[in-house]
Amino acid sequence: MKILITGAAGFIGHHTASKLLRKGHEIIGIDNLNDYYPVYLKTSRLEQLGINLNGTSYNQHIVSSSQPNYTFIKLDIEDRELLQALFKSEQFDTVINFAAQPGVRYSIENPYTYVQTNVLGFLNILECCRHNKIQHLIYASSSGIYGKNSKIPFSESDRTDTPVSIYAATKKADELMAFTYTTLYKFNTTGLRFFTVYGPWGRPDMAPMLFANAIIKGEPIKVFNNGNLSRDFTFINDIVEGVSRVVEKASGEEATAKIYNIGCGHPTQLMDFIHILEESIGKKAQINFMPMQKGDVYQTYADTTQLENDYGYKPTTHLDDGIKEFVKWFKNYYQTHN
């Protein structure tokens, strides 16, 4: 299968490309390599899959991997003309859209950036799928769209019309647009609502990386809402296994727009997560308790029954084991780049 992965230098995009390459698919990955967090982490992920950008300028360019079936192109999904040309020339079977501006708190300060990338950029993807007979578009949504729902666990049938951050609002907009395009133009769309993904090669703006870095350095960590938060922490290997199953299962004859939760299904109190991280690192954290932040939610908890029923998805990584894997990677790689 010939697959386009947008956001291929990102955390989930990198691991998804690796998984699908091992399964023998042909992958073209694109990313704009923006500096929301250090670009070296993104280029290091690409290097793990044989994409070496040393000596190249960060203009539009195409780089073939040292391993078969992978090509990387520096391209922004906001660039409609270049995106259209890529779709026309490559004729993909499946598109996986992970390109997005992430981050809840940053979205409150920079709303235009989020709408430009997450809404208008996604519209470009939808238009390209429409005009190039794409069989299946898979795209990243977020658990954030559940807002401050008090009913747990969160299920796909719950209301999602009260997001509390601009980031979450853009993800809700993506789901609505995908449904509209499936209805009008008859191609399959599948939105995956990710729940707090962690693991090797993770994002440095997320709690696991921030906490691990501070604990090792002996610096204090900020714990919001005085630690009274819980998250459905989901190991990256479980996430990409779920994505892979969605990619490879043949769709029915009738085009459908589907939405699935993809998480662990076992929420963990934030303070318990910190204690497990401390044990794995072998050092106690210095904690500064802080009030609740704007845009944050108190808890996330995924009901993954639908994904299990339709695709056999079942996460298998216990939090203790996942954190050990993350800390091992962090100590071996990330500390040398601080």
Foldseek 3Di string as FASTA:
>chain_A
DEEEEEPCLADLNLVLVVVVVVVPYAYEYEYQLDPPDPSVLSQVSVVVQQFHCPPHDSDWDKTDGPDPRYIYTHDALLPLVVVLVVCVVPLGQEYEYEDADDDFVVCQVPVVRRCSRLPNSLVSVLVSCLVRVHQEYEYEAALQLCAQDPDPDDFPPDDRPDHQGSNNVSSVNSLVVQQVSCVPRPHAYEYEHEWAEDFFSHDCVDDLNQQLVCQVVVHADEQEQQQQAKTQYAYSVLVSVLVVLVVPDDDDPGHDYYYFYRTQQDIDRRVVLQVLLCVLSVGHHHYDYHYHDGRDYRYHGHDGVVSCVVRVRHGDDDSSRRSNRRSVNCVVPVVVVD
